[in-house]
Amino acid sequence: FHTQGLTADEKPIEYSIAEYRGDINSF
């Protein structure tokens, strides 16, 4: 997952790359 976290002014404050195990996670 690539994630942009935006504040109320629509400016990005966070960019994350999350790697979840496929065998134990569902969404």
mmCIF file of all heavy atoms, coordinates in Angstrom:
data_MODEL
# 
_entry.id   MODEL 
# 
loop_
_atom_site.group_PDB 
_atom_site.id 
_atom_site.type_symbol 
_atom_site.label_atom_id 
_atom_site.label_alt_id 
_atom_site.label_comp_id 
_atom_site.label_asym_id 
_atom_site.label_entity_id 
_atom_site.label_seq_id 
_atom_site.pdbx_PDB_ins_code 
_atom_site.Cartn_x 
_atom_site.Cartn_y 
_atom_site.Cartn_z 
_atom_site.occupancy 
_atom_site.B_iso_or_equiv 
_atom_site.pdbx_formal_charge 
_atom_site.auth_seq_id 
_atom_site.auth_comp_id 
_atom_site.auth_asym_id 
_atom_site.auth_atom_id 
_atom_site.pdbx_PDB_model_num 
ATOM 1   N N   . PHE A 1 1  ? 0.828   -1.203  0.000  1.00 0.00 ? 1  PHE A N   1 
ATOM 2   C CA  . PHE A 1 1  ? 0.000   0.000   0.000  1.00 0.00 ? 1  PHE A CA  1 
ATOM 3   C C   . PHE A 1 1  ? 0.866   1.258   0.000  1.00 0.00 ? 1  PHE A C   1 
ATOM 4   O O   . PHE A 1 1  ? 1.769   1.408   0.827  1.00 0.00 ? 1  PHE A O   1 
ATOM 5   C CB  . PHE A 1 1  ? -0.888  0.046   1.246  1.00 0.00 ? 1  PHE A CB  1 
ATOM 6   C CG  . PHE A 1 1  ? -2.125  -0.808  1.157  1.00 0.00 ? 1  PHE A CG  1 
ATOM 7   C CD1 . PHE A 1 1  ? -2.105  -2.115  1.632  1.00 0.00 ? 1  PHE A CD1 1 
ATOM 8   C CD2 . PHE A 1 1  ? -3.300  -0.315  0.618  1.00 0.00 ? 1  PHE A CD2 1 
ATOM 9   C CE1 . PHE A 1 1  ? -3.240  -2.906  1.563  1.00 0.00 ? 1  PHE A CE1 1 
ATOM 10  C CE2 . PHE A 1 1  ? -4.439  -1.100  0.550  1.00 0.00 ? 1  PHE A CE2 1 
ATOM 11  C CZ  . PHE A 1 1  ? -4.414  -2.401  1.013  1.00 0.00 ? 1  PHE A CZ  1 
ATOM 12  N N   . HIS A 1 2  ? 0.576   2.171   -0.926 1.00 0.00 ? 2  HIS A N   1 
ATOM 13  C CA  . HIS A 1 2  ? 1.143   3.518   -0.904 1.00 0.00 ? 2  HIS A CA  1 
ATOM 14  C C   . HIS A 1 2  ? 0.069   4.431   -0.319 1.00 0.00 ? 2  HIS A C   1 
ATOM 15  O O   . HIS A 1 2  ? -1.068  4.428   -0.804 1.00 0.00 ? 2  HIS A O   1 
ATOM 16  C CB  . HIS A 1 2  ? 1.481   4.011   -2.314 1.00 0.00 ? 2  HIS A CB  1 
ATOM 17  C CG  . HIS A 1 2  ? 2.444   3.134   -3.055 1.00 0.00 ? 2  HIS A CG  1 
ATOM 18  N ND1 . HIS A 1 2  ? 3.777   3.434   -3.199 1.00 0.00 ? 2  HIS A ND1 1 
ATOM 19  C CD2 . HIS A 1 2  ? 2.261   1.951   -3.699 1.00 0.00 ? 2  HIS A CD2 1 
ATOM 20  C CE1 . HIS A 1 2  ? 4.368   2.491   -3.905 1.00 0.00 ? 2  HIS A CE1 1 
ATOM 21  N NE2 . HIS A 1 2  ? 3.463   1.574   -4.218 1.00 0.00 ? 2  HIS A NE2 1 
ATOM 22  N N   . THR A 1 3  ? 0.421   5.225   0.690  1.00 0.00 ? 3  THR A N   1 
ATOM 23  C CA  . THR A 1 3  ? -0.565  6.087   1.343  1.00 0.00 ? 3  THR A CA  1 
ATOM 24  C C   . THR A 1 3  ? -0.084  7.524   1.421  1.00 0.00 ? 3  THR A C   1 
ATOM 25  O O   . THR A 1 3  ? 1.028   7.791   1.879  1.00 0.00 ? 3  THR A O   1 
ATOM 26  C CB  . THR A 1 3  ? -0.873  5.589   2.773  1.00 0.00 ? 3  THR A CB  1 
ATOM 27  O OG1 . THR A 1 3  ? -1.446  4.286   2.720  1.00 0.00 ? 3  THR A OG1 1 
ATOM 28  C CG2 . THR A 1 3  ? -1.848  6.527   3.479  1.00 0.00 ? 3  THR A CG2 1 
ATOM 29  N N   . GLN A 1 4  ? -0.939  8.450   0.993  1.00 0.00 ? 4  GLN A N   1 
ATOM 30  C CA  . GLN A 1 4  ? -0.755  9.873   1.237  1.00 0.00 ? 4  GLN A CA  1 
ATOM 31  C C   . GLN A 1 4  ? -1.743  10.284  2.319  1.00 0.00 ? 4  GLN A C   1 
ATOM 32  O O   . GLN A 1 4  ? -2.949  10.069  2.178  1.00 0.00 ? 4  GLN A O   1 
ATOM 33  C CB  . GLN A 1 4  ? -1.057  10.701  -0.017 1.00 0.00 ? 4  GLN A CB  1 
ATOM 34  C CG  . GLN A 1 4  ? 0.053   10.810  -1.023 1.00 0.00 ? 4  GLN A CG  1 
ATOM 35  C CD  . GLN A 1 4  ? -0.395  11.682  -2.194 1.00 0.00 ? 4  GLN A CD  1 
ATOM 36  O OE1 . GLN A 1 4  ? -1.401  11.402  -2.835 1.00 0.00 ? 4  GLN A OE1 1 
ATOM 37  N NE2 . GLN A 1 4  ? 0.340   12.738  -2.452 1.00 0.00 ? 4  GLN A NE2 1 
ATOM 38  N N   . GLY A 1 5  ? -1.230  10.857  3.412  1.00 0.00 ? 5  GLY A N   1 
ATOM 39  C CA  . GLY A 1 5  ? -2.092  11.386  4.456  1.00 0.00 ? 5  GLY A CA  1 
ATOM 40  C C   . GLY A 1 5  ? -2.204  12.898  4.320  1.00 0.00 ? 5  GLY A C   1 
ATOM 41  O O   . GLY A 1 5  ? -1.177  13.593  4.321  1.00 0.00 ? 5  GLY A O   1 
ATOM 42  N N   . LEU A 1 6  ? -3.430  13.404  4.186  1.00 0.00 ? 6  LEU A N   1 
ATOM 43  C CA  . LEU A 1 6  ? -3.660  14.822  3.947  1.00 0.00 ? 6  LEU A CA  1 
ATOM 44  C C   . LEU A 1 6  ? -4.292  15.486  5.163  1.00 0.00 ? 6  LEU A C   1 
ATOM 45  O O   . LEU A 1 6  ? -5.148  14.894  5.840  1.00 0.00 ? 6  LEU A O   1 
ATOM 46  C CB  . LEU A 1 6  ? -4.572  15.026  2.736  1.00 0.00 ? 6  LEU A CB  1 
ATOM 47  C CG  . LEU A 1 6  ? -4.195  14.279  1.448  1.00 0.00 ? 6  LEU A CG  1 
ATOM 48  C CD1 . LEU A 1 6  ? -5.247  14.508  0.383  1.00 0.00 ? 6  LEU A CD1 1 
ATOM 49  C CD2 . LEU A 1 6  ? -2.831  14.721  0.951  1.00 0.00 ? 6  LEU A CD2 1 
ATOM 50  N N   . THR A 1 7  ? -3.895  16.744  5.436  1.00 0.00 ? 7  THR A N   1 
ATOM 51  C CA  . THR A 1 7  ? -4.509  17.527  6.487  1.00 0.00 ? 7  THR A CA  1 
ATOM 52  C C   . THR A 1 7  ? -5.727  18.258  5.934  1.00 0.00 ? 7  THR A C   1 
ATOM 53  O O   . THR A 1 7  ? -6.047  18.159  4.744  1.00 0.00 ? 7  THR A O   1 
ATOM 54  C CB  . THR A 1 7  ? -3.492  18.521  7.074  1.00 0.00 ? 7  THR A CB  1 
ATOM 55  O OG1 . THR A 1 7  ? -2.869  19.238  6.005  1.00 0.00 ? 7  THR A OG1 1 
ATOM 56  C CG2 . THR A 1 7  ? -2.408  17.788  7.856  1.00 0.00 ? 7  THR A CG2 1 
ATOM 57  N N   . ALA A 1 8  ? -6.403  19.017  6.797  1.00 0.00 ? 8  ALA A N   1 
ATOM 58  C CA  . ALA A 1 8  ? -7.647  19.669  6.387  1.00 0.00 ? 8  ALA A CA  1 
ATOM 59  C C   . ALA A 1 8  ? -7.450  20.661  5.243  1.00 0.00 ? 8  ALA A C   1 
ATOM 60  O O   . ALA A 1 8  ? -8.384  20.927  4.483  1.00 0.00 ? 8  ALA A O   1 
ATOM 61  C CB  . ALA A 1 8  ? -8.268  20.375  7.593  1.00 0.00 ? 8  ALA A CB  1 
ATOM 62  N N   . ASP A 1 9  ? -6.224  21.195  5.099  1.00 0.00 ? 9  ASP A N   1 
ATOM 63  C CA  . ASP A 1 9  ? -5.945  22.125  4.004  1.00 0.00 ? 9  ASP A CA  1 
ATOM 64  C C   . ASP A 1 9  ? -5.560  21.410  2.710  1.00 0.00 ? 9  ASP A C   1 
ATOM 65  O O   . ASP A 1 9  ? -5.099  22.035  1.754  1.00 0.00 ? 9  ASP A O   1 
ATOM 66  C CB  . ASP A 1 9  ? -4.842  23.118  4.403  1.00 0.00 ? 9  ASP A CB  1 
ATOM 67  C CG  . ASP A 1 9  ? -3.548  22.425  4.828  1.00 0.00 ? 9  ASP A CG  1 
ATOM 68  O OD1 . ASP A 1 9  ? -3.470  21.170  4.710  1.00 0.00 ? 9  ASP A OD1 1 
ATOM 69  O OD2 . ASP A 1 9  ? -2.636  23.122  5.285  1.00 0.00 ? 9  ASP A OD2 1 
ATOM 70  N N   . GLU A 1 10 ? -5.729  20.050  2.714  1.00 0.00 ? 10 GLU A N   1 
ATOM 71  C CA  . GLU A 1 10 ? -5.460  19.216  1.540  1.00 0.00 ? 10 GLU A CA  1 
ATOM 72  C C   . GLU A 1 10 ? -3.971  19.152  1.183  1.00 0.00 ? 10 GLU A C   1 
ATOM 73  O O   . GLU A 1 10 ? -3.616  18.828  0.053  1.00 0.00 ? 10 GLU A O   1 
ATOM 74  C CB  . GLU A 1 10 ? -6.266  19.690  0.319  1.00 0.00 ? 10 GLU A CB  1 
ATOM 75  C CG  . GLU A 1 10 ? -7.750  19.371  0.405  1.00 0.00 ? 10 GLU A CG  1 
ATOM 76  C CD  . GLU A 1 10 ? -8.036  17.873  0.326  1.00 0.00 ? 10 GLU A CD  1 
ATOM 77  O OE1 . GLU A 1 10 ? -7.821  17.262  -0.725 1.00 0.00 ? 10 GLU A OE1 1 
ATOM 78  O OE2 . GLU A 1 10 ? -8.463  17.310  1.354  1.00 0.00 ? 10 GLU A OE2 1 
ATOM 79  N N   . LYS A 1 11 ? -3.108  19.431  2.162  1.00 0.00 ? 11 LYS A N   1 
ATOM 80  C CA  . LYS A 1 11 ? -1.673  19.295  1.938  1.00 0.00 ? 11 LYS A CA  1 
ATOM 81  C C   . LYS A 1 11 ? -1.189  17.965  2.516  1.00 0.00 ? 11 LYS A C   1 
ATOM 82  O O   . LYS A 1 11 ? -1.567  17.600  3.639  1.00 0.00 ? 11 LYS A O   1 
ATOM 83  C CB  . LYS A 1 11 ? -0.917  20.450  2.597  1.00 0.00 ? 11 LYS A CB  1 
ATOM 84  C CG  . LYS A 1 11 ? -1.157  21.795  1.939  1.00 0.00 ? 11 LYS A CG  1 
ATOM 85  C CD  . LYS A 1 11 ? -0.339  22.885  2.620  1.00 0.00 ? 11 LYS A CD  1 
ATOM 86  C CE  . LYS A 1 11 ? -0.566  24.232  1.940  1.00 0.00 ? 11 LYS A CE  1 
ATOM 87  N NZ  . LYS A 1 11 ? 0.199   25.319  2.622  1.00 0.00 ? 11 LYS A NZ  1 
ATOM 88  N N   . PRO A 1 12 ? -0.359  17.221  1.789  1.00 0.00 ? 12 PRO A N   1 
ATOM 89  C CA  . PRO A 1 12 ? 0.129   15.938  2.318  1.00 0.00 ? 12 PRO A CA  1 
ATOM 90  C C   . PRO A 1 12 ? 1.112   16.146  3.465  1.00 0.00 ? 12 PRO A C   1 
ATOM 91  O O   . PRO A 1 12 ? 2.046   16.938  3.353  1.00 0.00 ? 12 PRO A O   1 
ATOM 92  C CB  . PRO A 1 12 ? 0.802   15.286  1.112  1.00 0.00 ? 12 PRO A CB  1 
ATOM 93  C CG  . PRO A 1 12 ? 1.119   16.404  0.190  1.00 0.00 ? 12 PRO A CG  1 
ATOM 94  C CD  . PRO A 1 12 ? 0.103   17.478  0.423  1.00 0.00 ? 12 PRO A CD  1 
ATOM 95  N N   . ILE A 1 13 ? 0.871   15.439  4.566  1.00 0.00 ? 13 ILE A N   1 
ATOM 96  C CA  . ILE A 1 13 ? 1.752   15.502  5.725  1.00 0.00 ? 13 ILE A CA  1 
ATOM 97  C C   . ILE A 1 13 ? 2.489   14.180  5.923  1.00 0.00 ? 13 ILE A C   1 
ATOM 98  O O   . ILE A 1 13 ? 3.475   14.091  6.627  1.00 0.00 ? 13 ILE A O   1 
ATOM 99  C CB  . ILE A 1 13 ? 0.955   15.870  7.001  1.00 0.00 ? 13 ILE A CB  1 
ATOM 100 C CG1 . ILE A 1 13 ? 1.885   16.114  8.197  1.00 0.00 ? 13 ILE A CG1 1 
ATOM 101 C CG2 . ILE A 1 13 ? -0.054  14.774  7.354  1.00 0.00 ? 13 ILE A CG2 1 
ATOM 102 C CD1 . ILE A 1 13 ? 2.813   17.280  8.049  1.00 0.00 ? 13 ILE A CD1 1 
ATOM 103 N N   . GLU A 1 14 ? 2.025   13.136  5.231  1.00 0.00 ? 14 GLU A N   1 
ATOM 104 C CA  . GLU A 1 14 ? 2.617   11.798  5.404  1.00 0.00 ? 14 GLU A CA  1 
ATOM 105 C C   . GLU A 1 14 ? 2.594   11.054  4.077  1.00 0.00 ? 14 GLU A C   1 
ATOM 106 O O   . GLU A 1 14 ? 1.620   11.133  3.326  1.00 0.00 ? 14 GLU A O   1 
ATOM 107 C CB  . GLU A 1 14 ? 1.813   11.009  6.449  1.00 0.00 ? 14 GLU A CB  1 
ATOM 108 C CG  . GLU A 1 14 ? 2.118   9.519   6.474  1.00 0.00 ? 14 GLU A CG  1 
ATOM 109 C CD  . GLU A 1 14 ? 0.883   8.635   6.623  1.00 0.00 ? 14 GLU A CD  1 
ATOM 110 O OE1 . GLU A 1 14 ? -0.256  9.143   6.504  1.00 0.00 ? 14 GLU A OE1 1 
ATOM 111 O OE2 . GLU A 1 14 ? 1.070   7.422   6.842  1.00 0.00 ? 14 GLU A OE2 1 
ATOM 112 N N   . TYR A 1 15 ? 3.663   10.340  3.801  1.00 0.00 ? 15 TYR A N   1 
ATOM 113 C CA  . TYR A 1 15 ? 3.685   9.380   2.700  1.00 0.00 ? 15 TYR A CA  1 
ATOM 114 C C   . TYR A 1 15 ? 4.253   8.084   3.256  1.00 0.00 ? 15 TYR A C   1 
ATOM 115 O O   . TYR A 1 15 ? 5.337   8.066   3.851  1.00 0.00 ? 15 TYR A O   1 
ATOM 116 C CB  . TYR A 1 15 ? 4.549   9.877   1.541  1.00 0.00 ? 15 TYR A CB  1 
ATOM 117 C CG  . TYR A 1 15 ? 4.701   8.856   0.425  1.00 0.00 ? 15 TYR A CG  1 
ATOM 118 C CD1 . TYR A 1 15 ? 3.587   8.325   -0.207 1.00 0.00 ? 15 TYR A CD1 1 
ATOM 119 C CD2 . TYR A 1 15 ? 5.962   8.418   0.028  1.00 0.00 ? 15 TYR A CD2 1 
ATOM 120 C CE1 . TYR A 1 15 ? 3.716   7.387   -1.218 1.00 0.00 ? 15 TYR A CE1 1 
ATOM 121 C CE2 . TYR A 1 15 ? 6.099   7.485   -0.986 1.00 0.00 ? 15 TYR A CE2 1 
ATOM 122 C CZ  . TYR A 1 15 ? 4.972   6.966   -1.611 1.00 0.00 ? 15 TYR A CZ  1 
ATOM 123 O OH  . TYR A 1 15 ? 5.108   6.027   -2.614 1.00 0.00 ? 15 TYR A OH  1 
ATOM 124 N N   . SER A 1 16 ? 3.488   7.015   3.132  1.00 0.00 ? 16 SER A N   1 
ATOM 125 C CA  . SER A 1 16 ? 3.901   5.728   3.700  1.00 0.00 ? 16 SER A CA  1 
ATOM 126 C C   . SER A 1 16 ? 3.818   4.614   2.664  1.00 0.00 ? 16 SER A C   1 
ATOM 127 O O   . SER A 1 16 ? 2.969   4.651   1.768  1.00 0.00 ? 16 SER A O   1 
ATOM 128 C CB  . SER A 1 16 ? 3.011   5.344   4.901  1.00 0.00 ? 16 SER A CB  1 
ATOM 129 O OG  . SER A 1 16 ? 3.227   6.192   5.992  1.00 0.00 ? 16 SER A OG  1 
ATOM 130 N N   . ILE A 1 17 ? 4.686   3.649   2.836  1.00 0.00 ? 17 ILE A N   1 
ATOM 131 C CA  . ILE A 1 17 ? 4.652   2.421   2.046  1.00 0.00 ? 17 ILE A CA  1 
ATOM 132 C C   . ILE A 1 17 ? 4.533   1.275   3.045  1.00 0.00 ? 17 ILE A C   1 
ATOM 133 O O   . ILE A 1 17 ? 5.438   1.052   3.860  1.00 0.00 ? 17 ILE A O   1 
ATOM 134 C CB  . ILE A 1 17 ? 5.915   2.259   1.187  1.00 0.00 ? 17 ILE A CB  1 
ATOM 135 C CG1 . ILE A 1 17 ? 6.067   3.444   0.225  1.00 0.00 ? 17 ILE A CG1 1 
ATOM 136 C CG2 . ILE A 1 17 ? 5.873   0.942   0.412  1.00 0.00 ? 17 ILE A CG2 1 
ATOM 137 C CD1 . ILE A 1 17 ? 7.422   3.537   -0.430 1.00 0.00 ? 17 ILE A CD1 1 
ATOM 138 N N   . ALA A 1 18 ? 3.416   0.580   3.004  1.00 0.00 ? 18 ALA A N   1 
ATOM 139 C CA  . ALA A 1 18 ? 3.147   -0.507  3.956  1.00 0.00 ? 18 ALA A CA  1 
ATOM 140 C C   . ALA A 1 18 ? 3.130   -1.839  3.222  1.00 0.00 ? 18 ALA A C   1 
ATOM 141 O O   . ALA A 1 18 ? 2.449   -1.986  2.208  1.00 0.00 ? 18 ALA A O   1 
ATOM 142 C CB  . ALA A 1 18 ? 1.817   -0.273  4.666  1.00 0.00 ? 18 ALA A CB  1 
ATOM 143 N N   . GLU A 1 19 ? 3.887   -2.798  3.740  1.00 0.00 ? 19 GLU A N   1 
ATOM 144 C CA  . GLU A 1 19 ? 3.976   -4.135  3.149  1.00 0.00 ? 19 GLU A CA  1 
ATOM 145 C C   . GLU A 1 19 ? 3.336   -5.141  4.105  1.00 0.00 ? 19 GLU A C   1 
ATOM 146 O O   . GLU A 1 19 ? 3.919   -5.497  5.126  1.00 0.00 ? 19 GLU A O   1 
ATOM 147 C CB  . GLU A 1 19 ? 5.437   -4.479  2.869  1.00 0.00 ? 19 GLU A CB  1 
ATOM 148 C CG  . GLU A 1 19 ? 6.103   -3.505  1.901  1.00 0.00 ? 19 GLU A CG  1 
ATOM 149 C CD  . GLU A 1 19 ? 7.603   -3.709  1.805  1.00 0.00 ? 19 GLU A CD  1 
ATOM 150 O OE1 . GLU A 1 19 ? 8.046   -4.665  1.148  1.00 0.00 ? 19 GLU A OE1 1 
ATOM 151 O OE2 . GLU A 1 19 ? 8.341   -2.893  2.405  1.00 0.00 ? 19 GLU A OE2 1 
ATOM 152 N N   . TYR A 1 20 ? 2.123   -5.564  3.768  1.00 0.00 ? 20 TYR A N   1 
ATOM 153 C CA  . TYR A 1 20 ? 1.349   -6.478  4.605  1.00 0.00 ? 20 TYR A CA  1 
ATOM 154 C C   . TYR A 1 20 ? 1.528   -7.926  4.140  1.00 0.00 ? 20 TYR A C   1 
ATOM 155 O O   . TYR A 1 20 ? 1.446   -8.205  2.941  1.00 0.00 ? 20 TYR A O   1 
ATOM 156 C CB  . TYR A 1 20 ? -0.140  -6.139  4.526  1.00 0.00 ? 20 TYR A CB  1 
ATOM 157 C CG  . TYR A 1 20 ? -0.574  -4.968  5.358  1.00 0.00 ? 20 TYR A CG  1 
ATOM 158 C CD1 . TYR A 1 20 ? -0.469  -3.674  4.867  1.00 0.00 ? 20 TYR A CD1 1 
ATOM 159 C CD2 . TYR A 1 20 ? -1.113  -5.141  6.630  1.00 0.00 ? 20 TYR A CD2 1 
ATOM 160 C CE1 . TYR A 1 20 ? -0.887  -2.582  5.617  1.00 0.00 ? 20 TYR A CE1 1 
ATOM 161 C CE2 . TYR A 1 20 ? -1.535  -4.068  7.385  1.00 0.00 ? 20 TYR A CE2 1 
ATOM 162 C CZ  . TYR A 1 20 ? -1.421  -2.794  6.881  1.00 0.00 ? 20 TYR A CZ  1 
ATOM 163 O OH  . TYR A 1 20 ? -1.837  -1.717  7.620  1.00 0.00 ? 20 TYR A OH  1 
ATOM 164 N N   . ARG A 1 21 ? 1.716   -8.814  5.092  1.00 0.00 ? 21 ARG A N   1 
ATOM 165 C CA  . ARG A 1 21 ? 1.757   -10.241 4.772  1.00 0.00 ? 21 ARG A CA  1 
ATOM 166 C C   . ARG A 1 21 ? 0.444   -10.674 4.122  1.00 0.00 ? 21 ARG A C   1 
ATOM 167 O O   . ARG A 1 21 ? -0.638  -10.374 4.613  1.00 0.00 ? 21 ARG A O   1 
ATOM 168 C CB  . ARG A 1 21 ? 1.979   -11.062 6.039  1.00 0.00 ? 21 ARG A CB  1 
ATOM 169 C CG  . ARG A 1 21 ? 3.393   -11.022 6.556  1.00 0.00 ? 21 ARG A CG  1 
ATOM 170 C CD  . ARG A 1 21 ? 3.549   -11.769 7.871  1.00 0.00 ? 21 ARG A CD  1 
ATOM 171 N NE  . ARG A 1 21 ? 3.103   -13.151 7.811  1.00 0.00 ? 21 ARG A NE  1 
ATOM 172 C CZ  . ARG A 1 21 ? 3.353   -14.041 8.773  1.00 0.00 ? 21 ARG A CZ  1 
ATOM 173 N NH1 . ARG A 1 21 ? 4.052   -13.680 9.845  1.00 0.00 ? 21 ARG A NH1 1 
ATOM 174 N NH2 . ARG A 1 21 ? 2.917   -15.271 8.666  1.00 0.00 ? 21 ARG A NH2 1 
ATOM 175 N N   . GLY A 1 22 ? 0.560   -11.401 3.025  1.00 0.00 ? 22 GLY A N   1 
ATOM 176 C CA  . GLY A 1 22 ? -0.634  -11.845 2.327  1.00 0.00 ? 22 GLY A CA  1 
ATOM 177 C C   . GLY A 1 22 ? -1.320  -13.025 2.983  1.00 0.00 ? 22 GLY A C   1 
ATOM 178 O O   . GLY A 1 22 ? -2.506  -13.258 2.756  1.00 0.00 ? 22 GLY A O   1 
ATOM 179 N N   . ASP A 1 23 ? -0.579  -13.767 3.830  1.00 0.00 ? 23 ASP A N   1 
ATOM 180 C CA  . ASP A 1 23 ? -1.147  -14.999 4.386  1.00 0.00 ? 23 ASP A CA  1 
ATOM 181 C C   . ASP A 1 23 ? -1.998  -14.760 5.622  1.00 0.00 ? 23 ASP A C   1 
ATOM 182 O O   . ASP A 1 23 ? -2.817  -15.614 5.971  1.00 0.00 ? 23 ASP A O   1 
ATOM 183 C CB  . ASP A 1 23 ? -0.028  -15.998 4.720  1.00 0.00 ? 23 ASP A CB  1 
ATOM 184 C CG  . ASP A 1 23 ? 0.960   -15.460 5.746  1.00 0.00 ? 23 ASP A CG  1 
ATOM 185 O OD1 . ASP A 1 23 ? 1.124   -14.222 5.832  1.00 0.00 ? 23 ASP A OD1 1 
ATOM 186 O OD2 . ASP A 1 23 ? 1.583   -16.272 6.458  1.00 0.00 ? 23 ASP A OD2 1 
ATOM 187 N N   . ILE A 1 24 ? -1.850  -13.619 6.288  1.00 0.00 ? 24 ILE A N   1 
ATOM 188 C CA  . ILE A 1 24 ? -2.597  -13.413 7.534  1.00 0.00 ? 24 ILE A CA  1 
ATOM 189 C C   . ILE A 1 24 ? -3.413  -12.129 7.538  1.00 0.00 ? 24 ILE A C   1 
ATOM 190 O O   . ILE A 1 24 ? -4.012  -11.776 8.555  1.00 0.00 ? 24 ILE A O   1 
ATOM 191 C CB  . ILE A 1 24 ? -1.669  -13.432 8.774  1.00 0.00 ? 24 ILE A CB  1 
ATOM 192 C CG1 . ILE A 1 24 ? -0.643  -12.297 8.700  1.00 0.00 ? 24 ILE A CG1 1 
ATOM 193 C CG2 . ILE A 1 24 ? -1.009  -14.783 8.947  1.00 0.00 ? 24 ILE A CG2 1 
ATOM 194 C CD1 . ILE A 1 24 ? 0.152   -12.134 9.984  1.00 0.00 ? 24 ILE A CD1 1 
ATOM 195 N N   . ASN A 1 25 ? -3.442  -11.414 6.425  1.00 0.00 ? 25 ASN A N   1 
ATOM 196 C CA  . ASN A 1 25 ? -4.199  -10.168 6.363  1.00 0.00 ? 25 ASN A CA  1 
ATOM 197 C C   . ASN A 1 25 ? -5.259  -10.223 5.277  1.00 0.00 ? 25 ASN A C   1 
ATOM 198 O O   . ASN A 1 25 ? -5.029  -10.743 4.187  1.00 0.00 ? 25 ASN A O   1 
ATOM 199 C CB  . ASN A 1 25 ? -3.270  -8.975  6.077  1.00 0.00 ? 25 ASN A CB  1 
ATOM 200 C CG  . ASN A 1 25 ? -2.370  -8.645  7.239  1.00 0.00 ? 25 ASN A CG  1 
ATOM 201 O OD1 . ASN A 1 25 ? -2.815  -8.153  8.262  1.00 0.00 ? 25 ASN A OD1 1 
ATOM 202 N ND2 . ASN A 1 25 ? -1.084  -8.930  7.090  1.00 0.00 ? 25 ASN A ND2 1 
ATOM 203 N N   . SER A 1 26 ? -6.419  -9.665  5.581  1.00 0.00 ? 26 SER A N   1 
ATOM 204 C CA  . SER A 1 26 ? -7.447  -9.411  4.584  1.00 0.00 ? 26 SER A CA  1 
ATOM 205 C C   . SER A 1 26 ? -7.919  -7.985  4.803  1.00 0.00 ? 26 SER A C   1 
ATOM 206 O O   . SER A 1 26 ? -7.701  -7.396  5.864  1.00 0.00 ? 26 SER A O   1 
ATOM 207 C CB  . SER A 1 26 ? -8.613  -10.403 4.700  1.00 0.00 ? 26 SER A CB  1 
ATOM 208 O OG  . SER A 1 26 ? -9.261  -10.251 5.943  1.00 0.00 ? 26 SER A OG  1 
ATOM 209 N N   . PHE A 1 27 ? -8.581  -7.409  3.807  1.00 0.00 ? 27 PHE A N   1 
ATOM 210 C CA  . PHE A 1 27 ? -8.929  -5.991  3.866  1.00 0.00 ? 27 PHE A CA  1 
ATOM 211 C C   . PHE A 1 27 ? -10.404 -5.792  3.605  1.00 0.00 ? 27 PHE A C   1 
ATOM 212 O O   . PHE A 1 27 ? -10.973 -6.351  2.656  1.00 0.00 ? 27 PHE A O   1 
ATOM 213 C CB  . PHE A 1 27 ? -8.080  -5.206  2.865  1.00 0.00 ? 27 PHE A CB  1 
ATOM 214 C CG  . PHE A 1 27 ? -6.609  -5.282  3.189  1.00 0.00 ? 27 PHE A CG  1 
ATOM 215 C CD1 . PHE A 1 27 ? -5.833  -6.314  2.690  1.00 0.00 ? 27 PHE A CD1 1 
ATOM 216 C CD2 . PHE A 1 27 ? -6.030  -4.349  4.027  1.00 0.00 ? 27 PHE A CD2 1 
ATOM 217 C CE1 . PHE A 1 27 ? -4.483  -6.422  3.007  1.00 0.00 ? 27 PHE A CE1 1 
ATOM 218 C CE2 . PHE A 1 27 ? -4.693  -4.436  4.340  1.00 0.00 ? 27 PHE A CE2 1 
ATOM 219 C CZ  . PHE A 1 27 ? -3.917  -5.469  3.841  1.00 0.00 ? 27 PHE A CZ  1 
# 
